[in-house]
Amino acid sequence: MNNIKRPMINDALRLLRLYLGLSQKELASELEISQSMISEIEHGHKTVSMELLERYSLKLDVRMSKLLFFAEELEGEPIRTKGKLIIANRVLQLLEALAPRELSDAS
């Protein structure tokens, strides 16, 4: 049995997908990658490139910094239960509340 811990960013991306109510197939379509790639990322078999992380950020309207911060917040034990999705929801809400507001262009 493989005891290698998958990177927390992989768990964060899986949780984000679940939080948004997207299937792997739907997300793959949005990101223009294969469903198997999503599965491999979420299971820690593939690493997430900065380019792919940027796609997640743009398509799902979540800042890359939030994704990385959320991944750090998950450090510790793996996500196993549905109850932790409630916590994940609260963390995402907290991150949104703490995010600096973007200023509209004044030009």
PDB file of N, CA and C in Angstrom:
ATOM      1  N   MET A   1       0.847  -1.195   0.000  1.00  0.00           N
ATOM      2  CA  MET A   1       0.000   0.000   0.000  1.00  0.00           C
ATOM      3  C   MET A   1       0.879   1.240   0.000  1.00  0.00           C
ATOM      4  N   ASN A   2       0.525   2.214  -0.824  1.00  0.00           N
ATOM      5  CA  ASN A   2       1.302   3.427  -0.956  1.00  0.00           C
ATOM      6  C   ASN A   2       0.907   4.420   0.128  1.00  0.00           C
ATOM      7  N   ASN A   3       1.880   4.814   0.962  1.00  0.00           N
ATOM      8  CA  ASN A   3       1.610   5.734   2.060  1.00  0.00           C
ATOM      9  C   ASN A   3       2.069   7.157   1.764  1.00  0.00           C
ATOM     10  N   ILE A   4       2.398   7.440   0.509  1.00  0.00           N
ATOM     11  CA  ILE A   4       2.835   8.778   0.148  1.00  0.00           C
ATOM     12  C   ILE A   4       1.644   9.728   0.236  1.00  0.00           C
ATOM     13  N   LYS A   5       1.842  10.805   0.983  1.00  0.00           N
ATOM     14  CA  LYS A   5       0.775  11.787   1.170  1.00  0.00           C
ATOM     15  C   LYS A   5       0.653  12.664  -0.069  1.00  0.00           C
ATOM     16  N   ARG A   6      -0.540  12.790  -0.603  1.00  0.00           N
ATOM     17  CA  ARG A   6      -0.696  13.629  -1.789  1.00  0.00           C
ATOM     18  C   ARG A   6      -0.623  15.096  -1.388  1.00  0.00           C
ATOM     19  N   PRO A   7      -0.147  15.927  -2.313  1.00  0.00           N
ATOM     20  CA  PRO A   7      -0.037  17.360  -2.013  1.00  0.00           C
ATOM     21  C   PRO A   7      -1.392  17.960  -1.648  1.00  0.00           C
ATOM     22  N   MET A   8      -1.388  18.890  -0.724  1.00  0.00           N
ATOM     23  CA  MET A   8      -2.624  19.519  -0.271  1.00  0.00           C
ATOM     24  C   MET A   8      -3.308  20.311  -1.381  1.00  0.00           C
ATOM     25  N   ILE A   9      -2.548  20.801  -2.361  1.00  0.00           N
ATOM     26  CA  ILE A   9      -3.195  21.534  -3.452  1.00  0.00           C
ATOM     27  C   ILE A   9      -4.144  20.608  -4.197  1.00  0.00           C
ATOM     28  N   ASN A  10      -3.794  19.328  -4.297  1.00  0.00           N
ATOM     29  CA  ASN A  10      -4.669  18.376  -4.973  1.00  0.00           C
ATOM     30  C   ASN A  10      -5.986  18.235  -4.211  1.00  0.00           C
ATOM     31  N   ASP A  11      -5.906  18.145  -2.890  1.00  0.00           N
ATOM     32  CA  ASP A  11      -7.117  18.078  -2.071  1.00  0.00           C
ATOM     33  C   ASP A  11      -7.922  19.372  -2.185  1.00  0.00           C
ATOM     34  N   ALA A  12      -7.229  20.500  -2.206  1.00  0.00           N
ATOM     35  CA  ALA A  12      -7.918  21.795  -2.301  1.00  0.00           C
ATOM     36  C   ALA A  12      -8.685  21.899  -3.610  1.00  0.00           C
ATOM     37  N   LEU A  13      -8.078  21.441  -4.694  1.00  0.00           N
ATOM     38  CA  LEU A  13      -8.760  21.502  -5.983  1.00  0.00           C
ATOM     39  C   LEU A  13      -9.953  20.552  -6.034  1.00  0.00           C
ATOM     40  N   ARG A  14      -9.817  19.403  -5.407  1.00  0.00           N
ATOM     41  CA  ARG A  14     -10.945  18.463  -5.346  1.00  0.00           C
ATOM     42  C   ARG A  14     -12.081  19.067  -4.524  1.00  0.00           C
ATOM     43  N   LEU A  15     -11.742  19.636  -3.381  1.00  0.00           N
ATOM     44  CA  LEU A  15     -12.764  20.247  -2.526  1.00  0.00           C
ATOM     45  C   LEU A  15     -13.459  21.405  -3.230  1.00  0.00           C
ATOM     46  N   LEU A  16     -12.685  22.204  -3.946  1.00  0.00           N
ATOM     47  CA  LEU A  16     -13.280  23.318  -4.677  1.00  0.00           C
ATOM     48  C   LEU A  16     -14.273  22.805  -5.707  1.00  0.00           C
ATOM     49  N   ARG A  17     -13.887  21.750  -6.421  1.00  0.00           N
ATOM     50  CA  ARG A  17     -14.791  21.163  -7.418  1.00  0.00           C
ATOM     51  C   ARG A  17     -16.083  20.682  -6.755  1.00  0.00           C
ATOM     52  N   LEU A  18     -15.938  19.986  -5.640  1.00  0.00           N
ATOM     53  CA  LEU A  18     -17.110  19.476  -4.924  1.00  0.00           C
ATOM     54  C   LEU A  18     -17.960  20.632  -4.384  1.00  0.00           C
ATOM     55  N   TYR A  19     -17.300  21.640  -3.849  1.00  0.00           N
ATOM     56  CA  TYR A  19     -18.002  22.803  -3.316  1.00  0.00           C
ATOM     57  C   TYR A  19     -18.845  23.481  -4.397  1.00  0.00           C
ATOM     58  N   LEU A  20     -18.302  23.548  -5.604  1.00  0.00           N
ATOM     59  CA  LEU A  20     -19.017  24.181  -6.709  1.00  0.00           C
ATOM     60  C   LEU A  20     -20.038  23.255  -7.361  1.00  0.00           C
ATOM     61  N   GLY A  21     -20.084  22.006  -6.904  1.00  0.00           N
ATOM     62  CA  GLY A  21     -21.068  21.061  -7.420  1.00  0.00           C
ATOM     63  C   GLY A  21     -20.774  20.589  -8.832  1.00  0.00           C
ATOM     64  N   LEU A  22     -19.509  20.570  -9.206  1.00  0.00           N
ATOM     65  CA  LEU A  22     -19.129  20.139 -10.541  1.00  0.00           C
ATOM     66  C   LEU A  22     -18.657  18.688 -10.542  1.00  0.00           C
ATOM     67  N   SER A  23     -19.002  17.968 -11.576  1.00  0.00           N
ATOM     68  CA  SER A  23     -18.442  16.623 -11.747  1.00  0.00           C
ATOM     69  C   SER A  23     -17.044  16.785 -12.335  1.00  0.00           C
ATOM     70  N   GLN A  24     -16.264  15.728 -12.281  1.00  0.00           N
ATOM     71  CA  GLN A  24     -14.944  15.769 -12.897  1.00  0.00           C
ATOM     72  C   GLN A  24     -15.075  16.065 -14.394  1.00  0.00           C
ATOM     73  N   LYS A  25     -16.084  15.479 -15.024  1.00  0.00           N
ATOM     74  CA  LYS A  25     -16.300  15.679 -16.458  1.00  0.00           C
ATOM     75  C   LYS A  25     -16.618  17.140 -16.771  1.00  0.00           C
ATOM     76  N   GLU A  26     -17.484  17.754 -15.956  1.00  0.00           N
ATOM     77  CA  GLU A  26     -17.845  19.160 -16.170  1.00  0.00           C
ATOM     78  C   GLU A  26     -16.626  20.071 -15.996  1.00  0.00           C
ATOM     79  N   LEU A  27     -15.848  19.808 -14.942  1.00  0.00           N
ATOM     80  CA  LEU A  27     -14.666  20.619 -14.704  1.00  0.00           C
ATOM     81  C   LEU A  27     -13.649  20.445 -15.819  1.00  0.00           C
ATOM     82  N   ALA A  28     -13.468  19.213 -16.260  1.00  0.00           N
ATOM     83  CA  ALA A  28     -12.532  18.943 -17.355  1.00  0.00           C
ATOM     84  C   ALA A  28     -12.922  19.735 -18.596  1.00  0.00           C
ATOM     85  N   SER A  29     -14.210  19.791 -18.877  1.00  0.00           N
ATOM     86  CA  SER A  29     -14.694  20.556 -20.022  1.00  0.00           C
ATOM     87  C   SER A  29     -14.383  22.038 -19.860  1.00  0.00           C
ATOM     88  N   GLU A  30     -14.623  22.573 -18.664  1.00  0.00           N
ATOM     89  CA  GLU A  30     -14.334  23.985 -18.378  1.00  0.00           C
ATOM     90  C   GLU A  30     -12.851  24.302 -18.554  1.00  0.00           C
ATOM     91  N   LEU A  31     -11.993  23.376 -18.096  1.00  0.00           N
ATOM     92  CA  LEU A  31     -10.544  23.607 -18.128  1.00  0.00           C
ATOM     93  C   LEU A  31      -9.900  23.164 -19.435  1.00  0.00           C
ATOM     94  N   GLU A  32     -10.711  22.531 -20.287  1.00  0.00           N
ATOM     95  CA  GLU A  32     -10.233  22.018 -21.569  1.00  0.00           C
ATOM     96  C   GLU A  32      -9.108  21.000 -21.403  1.00  0.00           C
ATOM     97  N   ILE A  33      -9.326  20.076 -20.447  1.00  0.00           N
ATOM     98  CA  ILE A  33      -8.428  18.950 -20.246  1.00  0.00           C
ATOM     99  C   ILE A  33      -9.288  17.701 -20.112  1.00  0.00           C
ATOM    100  N   SER A  34      -8.667  16.554 -20.038  1.00  0.00           N
ATOM    101  CA  SER A  34      -9.433  15.310 -19.949  1.00  0.00           C
ATOM    102  C   SER A  34      -9.935  15.065 -18.520  1.00  0.00           C
ATOM    103  N   GLN A  35     -11.025  14.314 -18.431  1.00  0.00           N
ATOM    104  CA  GLN A  35     -11.563  13.930 -17.131  1.00  0.00           C
ATOM    105  C   GLN A  35     -10.548  13.078 -16.376  1.00  0.00           C
ATOM    106  N   SER A  36      -9.800  12.252 -17.101  1.00  0.00           N
ATOM    107  CA  SER A  36      -8.795  11.407 -16.436  1.00  0.00           C
ATOM    108  C   SER A  36      -7.690  12.254 -15.817  1.00  0.00           C
ATOM    109  N   MET A  37      -7.376  13.383 -16.428  1.00  0.00           N
ATOM    110  CA  MET A  37      -6.369  14.290 -15.860  1.00  0.00           C
ATOM    111  C   MET A  37      -6.865  14.865 -14.539  1.00  0.00           C
ATOM    112  N   ILE A  38      -8.139  15.258 -14.502  1.00  0.00           N
ATOM    113  CA  ILE A  38      -8.731  15.752 -13.249  1.00  0.00           C
ATOM    114  C   ILE A  38      -8.626  14.673 -12.176  1.00  0.00           C
ATOM    115  N   SER A  39      -8.992  13.451 -12.524  1.00  0.00           N
ATOM    116  CA  SER A  39      -8.936  12.340 -11.581  1.00  0.00           C
ATOM    117  C   SER A  39      -7.507  12.107 -11.075  1.00  0.00           C
ATOM    118  N   GLU A  40      -6.556  12.126 -11.978  1.00  0.00           N
ATOM    119  CA  GLU A  40      -5.164  11.898 -11.588  1.00  0.00           C
ATOM    120  C   GLU A  40      -4.651  13.011 -10.688  1.00  0.00           C
ATOM    121  N   ILE A  41      -5.058  14.245 -10.952  1.00  0.00           N
ATOM    122  CA  ILE A  41      -4.666  15.367 -10.097  1.00  0.00           C
ATOM    123  C   ILE A  41      -5.276  15.193  -8.710  1.00  0.00           C
ATOM    124  N   GLU A  42      -6.573  14.916  -8.658  1.00  0.00           N
ATOM    125  CA  GLU A  42      -7.264  14.808  -7.373  1.00  0.00           C
ATOM    126  C   GLU A  42      -6.760  13.642  -6.536  1.00  0.00           C
ATOM    127  N   HIS A  43      -6.255  12.603  -7.181  1.00  0.00           N
ATOM    128  CA  HIS A  43      -5.714  11.457  -6.447  1.00  0.00           C
ATOM    129  C   HIS A  43      -4.216  11.584  -6.180  1.00  0.00           C
ATOM    130  N   GLY A  44      -3.614  12.695  -6.624  1.00  0.00           N
ATOM    131  CA  GLY A  44      -2.206  12.937  -6.352  1.00  0.00           C
ATOM    132  C   GLY A  44      -1.247  12.214  -7.278  1.00  0.00           C
ATOM    133  N   HIS A  45      -1.761  11.672  -8.378  1.00  0.00           N
ATOM    134  CA  HIS A  45      -0.903  10.969  -9.328  1.00  0.00           C
ATOM    135  C   HIS A  45      -0.231  11.927 -10.300  1.00  0.00           C
ATOM    136  N   LYS A  46      -0.785  13.122 -10.442  1.00  0.00           N
ATOM    137  CA  LYS A  46      -0.222  14.159 -11.306  1.00  0.00           C
ATOM    138  C   LYS A  46      -0.055  15.426 -10.481  1.00  0.00           C
ATOM    139  N   THR A  47       0.995  16.153 -10.787  1.00  0.00           N
ATOM    140  CA  THR A  47       1.187  17.438 -10.121  1.00  0.00           C
ATOM    141  C   THR A  47       0.457  18.524 -10.899  1.00  0.00           C
ATOM    142  N   VAL A  48       0.184  19.604 -10.227  1.00  0.00           N
ATOM    143  CA  VAL A  48      -0.537  20.719 -10.834  1.00  0.00           C
ATOM    144  C   VAL A  48       0.476  21.771 -11.263  1.00  0.00           C
ATOM    145  N   SER A  49       0.508  22.051 -12.547  1.00  0.00           N
ATOM    146  CA  SER A  49       1.414  23.084 -13.058  1.00  0.00           C
ATOM    147  C   SER A  49       0.834  24.463 -12.738  1.00  0.00           C
ATOM    148  N   MET A  50       1.686  25.464 -12.785  1.00  0.00           N
ATOM    149  CA  MET A  50       1.212  26.832 -12.567  1.00  0.00           C
ATOM    150  C   MET A  50       0.233  27.229 -13.670  1.00  0.00           C
ATOM    151  N   GLU A  51       0.469  26.737 -14.877  1.00  0.00           N
ATOM    152  CA  GLU A  51      -0.430  27.043 -15.994  1.00  0.00           C
ATOM    153  C   GLU A  51      -1.820  26.460 -15.740  1.00  0.00           C
ATOM    154  N   LEU A  52      -1.873  25.241 -15.243  1.00  0.00           N
ATOM    155  CA  LEU A  52      -3.164  24.616 -14.953  1.00  0.00           C
ATOM    156  C   LEU A  52      -3.827  25.285 -13.751  1.00  0.00           C
ATOM    157  N   LEU A  53      -3.043  25.633 -12.756  1.00  0.00           N
ATOM    158  CA  LEU A  53      -3.593  26.336 -11.607  1.00  0.00           C
ATOM    159  C   LEU A  53      -4.192  27.678 -12.035  1.00  0.00           C
ATOM    160  N   GLU A  54      -3.546  28.320 -12.991  1.00  0.00           N
ATOM    161  CA  GLU A  54      -4.082  29.583 -13.516  1.00  0.00           C
ATOM    162  C   GLU A  54      -5.413  29.338 -14.233  1.00  0.00           C
ATOM    163  N   ARG A  55      -5.533  28.220 -14.957  1.00  0.00           N
ATOM    164  CA  ARG A  55      -6.812  27.891 -15.612  1.00  0.00           C
ATOM    165  C   ARG A  55      -7.912  27.708 -14.577  1.00  0.00           C
ATOM    166  N   TYR A  56      -7.602  26.951 -13.507  1.00  0.00           N
ATOM    167  CA  TYR A  56      -8.575  26.785 -12.425  1.00  0.00           C
ATOM    168  C   TYR A  56      -9.007  28.168 -11.935  1.00  0.00           C
ATOM    169  N   SER A  57      -8.045  29.021 -11.678  1.00  0.00           N
ATOM    170  CA  SER A  57      -8.311  30.348 -11.145  1.00  0.00           C
ATOM    171  C   SER A  57      -9.225  31.157 -12.067  1.00  0.00           C
ATOM    172  N   LEU A  58      -8.903  31.182 -13.344  1.00  0.00           N
ATOM    173  CA  LEU A  58      -9.687  31.976 -14.297  1.00  0.00           C
ATOM    174  C   LEU A  58     -11.074  31.393 -14.534  1.00  0.00           C
ATOM    175  N   LYS A  59     -11.161  30.103 -14.757  1.00  0.00           N
ATOM    176  CA  LYS A  59     -12.442  29.476 -15.092  1.00  0.00           C
ATOM    177  C   LYS A  59     -13.390  29.413 -13.895  1.00  0.00           C
ATOM    178  N   LEU A  60     -12.830  29.263 -12.681  1.00  0.00           N
ATOM    179  CA  LEU A  60     -13.678  29.124 -11.496  1.00  0.00           C
ATOM    180  C   LEU A  60     -13.776  30.421 -10.701  1.00  0.00           C
ATOM    181  N   ASP A  61     -13.110  31.475 -11.202  1.00  0.00           N
ATOM    182  CA  ASP A  61     -13.149  32.793 -10.578  1.00  0.00           C
ATOM    183  C   ASP A  61     -12.697  32.753  -9.120  1.00  0.00           C
ATOM    184  N   VAL A  62     -11.559  32.100  -8.905  1.00  0.00           N
ATOM    185  CA  VAL A  62     -10.942  32.025  -7.579  1.00  0.00           C
ATOM    186  C   VAL A  62      -9.474  32.388  -7.758  1.00  0.00           C
ATOM    187  N   ARG A  63      -9.014  33.351  -7.016  1.00  0.00           N
ATOM    188  CA  ARG A  63      -7.618  33.779  -7.145  1.00  0.00           C
ATOM    189  C   ARG A  63      -6.658  32.626  -6.849  1.00  0.00           C
ATOM    190  N   MET A  64      -5.549  32.616  -7.571  1.00  0.00           N
ATOM    191  CA  MET A  64      -4.537  31.581  -7.347  1.00  0.00           C
ATOM    192  C   MET A  64      -4.034  31.625  -5.910  1.00  0.00           C
ATOM    193  N   SER A  65      -3.876  32.808  -5.365  1.00  0.00           N
ATOM    194  CA  SER A  65      -3.398  32.935  -3.990  1.00  0.00           C
ATOM    195  C   SER A  65      -4.371  32.285  -3.009  1.00  0.00           C
ATOM    196  N   LYS A  66      -5.667  32.381  -3.290  1.00  0.00           N
ATOM    197  CA  LYS A  66      -6.666  31.737  -2.433  1.00  0.00           C
ATOM    198  C   LYS A  66      -6.546  30.219  -2.521  1.00  0.00           C
ATOM    199  N   LEU A  67      -6.342  29.722  -3.743  1.00  0.00           N
ATOM    200  CA  LEU A  67      -6.187  28.278  -3.912  1.00  0.00           C
ATOM    201  C   LEU A  67      -4.983  27.767  -3.111  1.00  0.00           C
ATOM    202  N   LEU A  68      -3.886  28.490  -3.197  1.00  0.00           N
ATOM    203  CA  LEU A  68      -2.675  28.076  -2.487  1.00  0.00           C
ATOM    204  C   LEU A  68      -2.849  28.201  -0.979  1.00  0.00           C
ATOM    205  N   PHE A  69      -3.491  29.291  -0.538  1.00  0.00           N
ATOM    206  CA  PHE A  69      -3.724  29.477   0.888  1.00  0.00           C
ATOM    207  C   PHE A  69      -4.660  28.395   1.423  1.00  0.00           C
ATOM    208  N   PHE A  70      -5.700  28.096   0.664  1.00  0.00           N
ATOM    209  CA  PHE A  70      -6.651  27.056   1.058  1.00  0.00           C
ATOM    210  C   PHE A  70      -5.940  25.717   1.177  1.00  0.00           C
ATOM    211  N   ALA A  71      -5.024  25.440   0.256  1.00  0.00           N
ATOM    212  CA  ALA A  71      -4.257  24.195   0.311  1.00  0.00           C
ATOM    213  C   ALA A  71      -3.432  24.131   1.590  1.00  0.00           C
ATOM    214  N   GLU A  72      -2.845  25.248   1.984  1.00  0.00           N
ATOM    215  CA  GLU A  72      -2.083  25.284   3.227  1.00  0.00           C
ATOM    216  C   GLU A  72      -2.976  25.029   4.432  1.00  0.00           C
ATOM    217  N   GLU A  73      -4.195  25.543   4.403  1.00  0.00           N
ATOM    218  CA  GLU A  73      -5.131  25.347   5.506  1.00  0.00           C
ATOM    219  C   GLU A  73      -5.525  23.876   5.661  1.00  0.00           C
ATOM    220  N   LEU A  74      -5.448  23.123   4.575  1.00  0.00           N
ATOM    221  CA  LEU A  74      -5.808  21.710   4.624  1.00  0.00           C
ATOM    222  C   LEU A  74      -4.675  20.833   5.145  1.00  0.00           C
ATOM    223  N   GLU A  75      -3.480  21.426   5.310  1.00  0.00           N
ATOM    224  CA  GLU A  75      -2.321  20.652   5.757  1.00  0.00           C
ATOM    225  C   GLU A  75      -2.675  19.910   7.039  1.00  0.00           C
ATOM    226  N   GLY A  76      -2.283  18.700   7.124  1.00  0.00           N
ATOM    227  CA  GLY A  76      -2.584  17.886   8.292  1.00  0.00           C
ATOM    228  C   GLY A  76      -3.130  16.558   7.850  1.00  0.00           C
ATOM    229  N   GLU A  77      -4.371  16.303   8.156  1.00  0.00           N
ATOM    230  CA  GLU A  77      -4.949  15.020   7.775  1.00  0.00           C
ATOM    231  C   GLU A  77      -5.731  15.120   6.475  1.00  0.00           C
ATOM    232  N   PRO A  78      -5.825  14.018   5.743  1.00  0.00           N
ATOM    233  CA  PRO A  78      -6.559  14.053   4.470  1.00  0.00           C
ATOM    234  C   PRO A  78      -8.051  14.287   4.675  1.00  0.00           C
ATOM    235  N   ILE A  79      -8.665  14.824   3.645  1.00  0.00           N
ATOM    236  CA  ILE A  79     -10.102  15.056   3.675  1.00  0.00           C
ATOM    237  C   ILE A  79     -10.802  13.714   3.487  1.00  0.00           C
ATOM    238  N   ARG A  80     -11.602  13.293   4.459  1.00  0.00           N
ATOM    239  CA  ARG A  80     -12.242  11.987   4.391  1.00  0.00           C
ATOM    240  C   ARG A  80     -13.762  12.035   4.480  1.00  0.00           C
ATOM    241  N   THR A  81     -14.275  12.993   5.163  1.00  0.00           N
ATOM    242  CA  THR A  81     -15.704  12.952   5.435  1.00  0.00           C
ATOM    243  C   THR A  81     -16.432  14.131   4.818  1.00  0.00           C
ATOM    244  N   LYS A  82     -17.706  13.938   4.599  1.00  0.00           N
ATOM    245  CA  LYS A  82     -18.540  14.999   4.036  1.00  0.00           C
ATOM    246  C   LYS A  82     -18.617  16.187   4.993  1.00  0.00           C
ATOM    247  N   GLY A  83     -18.535  15.934   6.278  1.00  0.00           N
ATOM    248  CA  GLY A  83     -18.572  17.009   7.269  1.00  0.00           C
ATOM    249  C   GLY A  83     -17.467  18.024   7.068  1.00  0.00           C
ATOM    250  N   LYS A  84     -16.340  17.552   6.564  1.00  0.00           N
ATOM    251  CA  LYS A  84     -15.236  18.477   6.320  1.00  0.00           C
ATOM    252  C   LYS A  84     -15.537  19.414   5.164  1.00  0.00           C
ATOM    253  N   LEU A  85     -16.474  19.049   4.307  1.00  0.00           N
ATOM    254  CA  LEU A  85     -16.868  19.959   3.234  1.00  0.00           C
ATOM    255  C   LEU A  85     -17.524  21.211   3.797  1.00  0.00           C
ATOM    256  N   ILE A  86     -18.214  21.068   4.920  1.00  0.00           N
ATOM    257  CA  ILE A  86     -18.818  22.230   5.578  1.00  0.00           C
ATOM    258  C   ILE A  86     -17.717  23.167   6.051  1.00  0.00           C
ATOM    259  N   ILE A  87     -16.665  22.595   6.634  1.00  0.00           N
ATOM    260  CA  ILE A  87     -15.530  23.399   7.075  1.00  0.00           C
ATOM    261  C   ILE A  87     -14.882  24.063   5.878  1.00  0.00           C
ATOM    262  N   ALA A  88     -14.726  23.299   4.793  1.00  0.00           N
ATOM    263  CA  ALA A  88     -14.123  23.855   3.579  1.00  0.00           C
ATOM    264  C   ALA A  88     -14.941  25.041   3.077  1.00  0.00           C
ATOM    265  N   ASN A  89     -16.254  24.918   3.132  1.00  0.00           N
ATOM    266  CA  ASN A  89     -17.138  26.004   2.724  1.00  0.00           C
ATOM    267  C   ASN A  89     -16.867  27.241   3.567  1.00  0.00           C
ATOM    268  N   ARG A  90     -16.738  27.067   4.870  1.00  0.00           N
ATOM    269  CA  ARG A  90     -16.481  28.196   5.765  1.00  0.00           C
ATOM    270  C   ARG A  90     -15.120  28.831   5.473  1.00  0.00           C
ATOM    271  N   VAL A  91     -14.127  28.001   5.206  1.00  0.00           N
ATOM    272  CA  VAL A  91     -12.796  28.521   4.884  1.00  0.00           C
ATOM    273  C   VAL A  91     -12.857  29.347   3.608  1.00  0.00           C
ATOM    274  N   LEU A  92     -13.559  28.843   2.586  1.00  0.00           N
ATOM    275  CA  LEU A  92     -13.695  29.604   1.340  1.00  0.00           C
ATOM    276  C   LEU A  92     -14.405  30.931   1.581  1.00  0.00           C
ATOM    277  N   GLN A  93     -15.436  30.927   2.425  1.00  0.00           N
ATOM    278  CA  GLN A  93     -16.144  32.164   2.741  1.00  0.00           C
ATOM    279  C   GLN A  93     -15.228  33.141   3.476  1.00  0.00           C
ATOM    280  N   LEU A  94     -14.437  32.611   4.402  1.00  0.00           N
ATOM    281  CA  LEU A  94     -13.503  33.449   5.147  1.00  0.00           C
ATOM    282  C   LEU A  94     -12.474  34.060   4.207  1.00  0.00           C
ATOM    283  N   LEU A  95     -11.951  33.245   3.303  1.00  0.00           N
ATOM    284  CA  LEU A  95     -10.976  33.753   2.348  1.00  0.00           C
ATOM    285  C   LEU A  95     -11.577  34.857   1.487  1.00  0.00           C
ATOM    286  N   GLU A  96     -12.809  34.674   1.073  1.00  0.00           N
ATOM    287  CA  GLU A  96     -13.481  35.692   0.263  1.00  0.00           C
ATOM    288  C   GLU A  96     -13.651  36.983   1.057  1.00  0.00           C
ATOM    289  N   ALA A  97     -14.026  36.858   2.317  1.00  0.00           N
ATOM    290  CA  ALA A  97     -14.240  38.040   3.160  1.00  0.00           C
ATOM    291  C   ALA A  97     -12.933  38.787   3.418  1.00  0.00           C
ATOM    292  N   LEU A  98     -11.829  38.055   3.521  1.00  0.00           N
ATOM    293  CA  LEU A  98     -10.544  38.672   3.818  1.00  0.00           C
ATOM    294  C   LEU A  98      -9.822  39.205   2.583  1.00  0.00           C
ATOM    295  N   ALA A  99     -10.291  38.824   1.416  1.00  0.00           N
ATOM    296  CA  ALA A  99      -9.625  39.241   0.181  1.00  0.00           C
ATOM    297  C   ALA A  99      -9.781  40.742  -0.026  1.00  0.00           C
ATOM    298  N   PRO A 100      -8.700  41.389  -0.421  1.00  0.00           N
ATOM    299  CA  PRO A 100      -8.831  42.824  -0.708  1.00  0.00           C
ATOM    300  C   PRO A 100      -9.746  43.037  -1.911  1.00  0.00           C
ATOM    301  N   ARG A 101     -10.537  44.057  -1.853  1.00  0.00           N
ATOM    302  CA  ARG A 101     -11.450  44.372  -2.933  1.00  0.00           C
ATOM    303  C   ARG A 101     -10.679  44.945  -4.111  1.00  0.00           C
ATOM    304  N   GLU A 102     -11.039  44.522  -5.300  1.00  0.00           N
ATOM    305  CA  GLU A 102     -10.372  45.044  -6.479  1.00  0.00           C
ATOM    306  C   GLU A 102     -10.952  46.413  -6.808  1.00  0.00           C
ATOM    307  N   LEU A 103     -10.068  47.336  -7.132  1.00  0.00           N
ATOM    308  CA  LEU A 103     -10.491  48.681  -7.485  1.00  0.00           C
ATOM    309  C   LEU A 103     -10.775  48.730  -8.973  1.00  0.00           C
ATOM    310  N   SER A 104     -11.861  49.376  -9.362  1.00  0.00           N
ATOM    311  CA  SER A 104     -12.141  49.509 -10.790  1.00  0.00           C
ATOM    312  C   SER A 104     -11.194  50.542 -11.377  1.00  0.00           C
ATOM    313  N   ASP A 105     -10.893  50.377 -12.666  1.00  0.00           N
ATOM    314  CA  ASP A 105      -9.989  51.291 -13.353  1.00  0.00           C
ATOM    315  C   ASP A 105     -10.612  52.683 -13.388  1.00  0.00           C
ATOM    316  N   ALA A 106      -9.840  53.664 -13.019  1.00  0.00           N
ATOM    317  CA  ALA A 106     -10.334  55.046 -12.992  1.00  0.00           C
ATOM    318  C   ALA A 106      -9.952  55.794 -14.267  1.00  0.00           C
ATOM    319  N   SER A 107      -9.417  55.090 -15.253  1.00  0.00           N
ATOM    320  CA  SER A 107      -8.997  55.782 -16.483  1.00  0.00           C
ATOM    321  C   SER A 107     -10.084  55.947 -17.487  1.00  0.00           C
TER     322      SER A 107
END
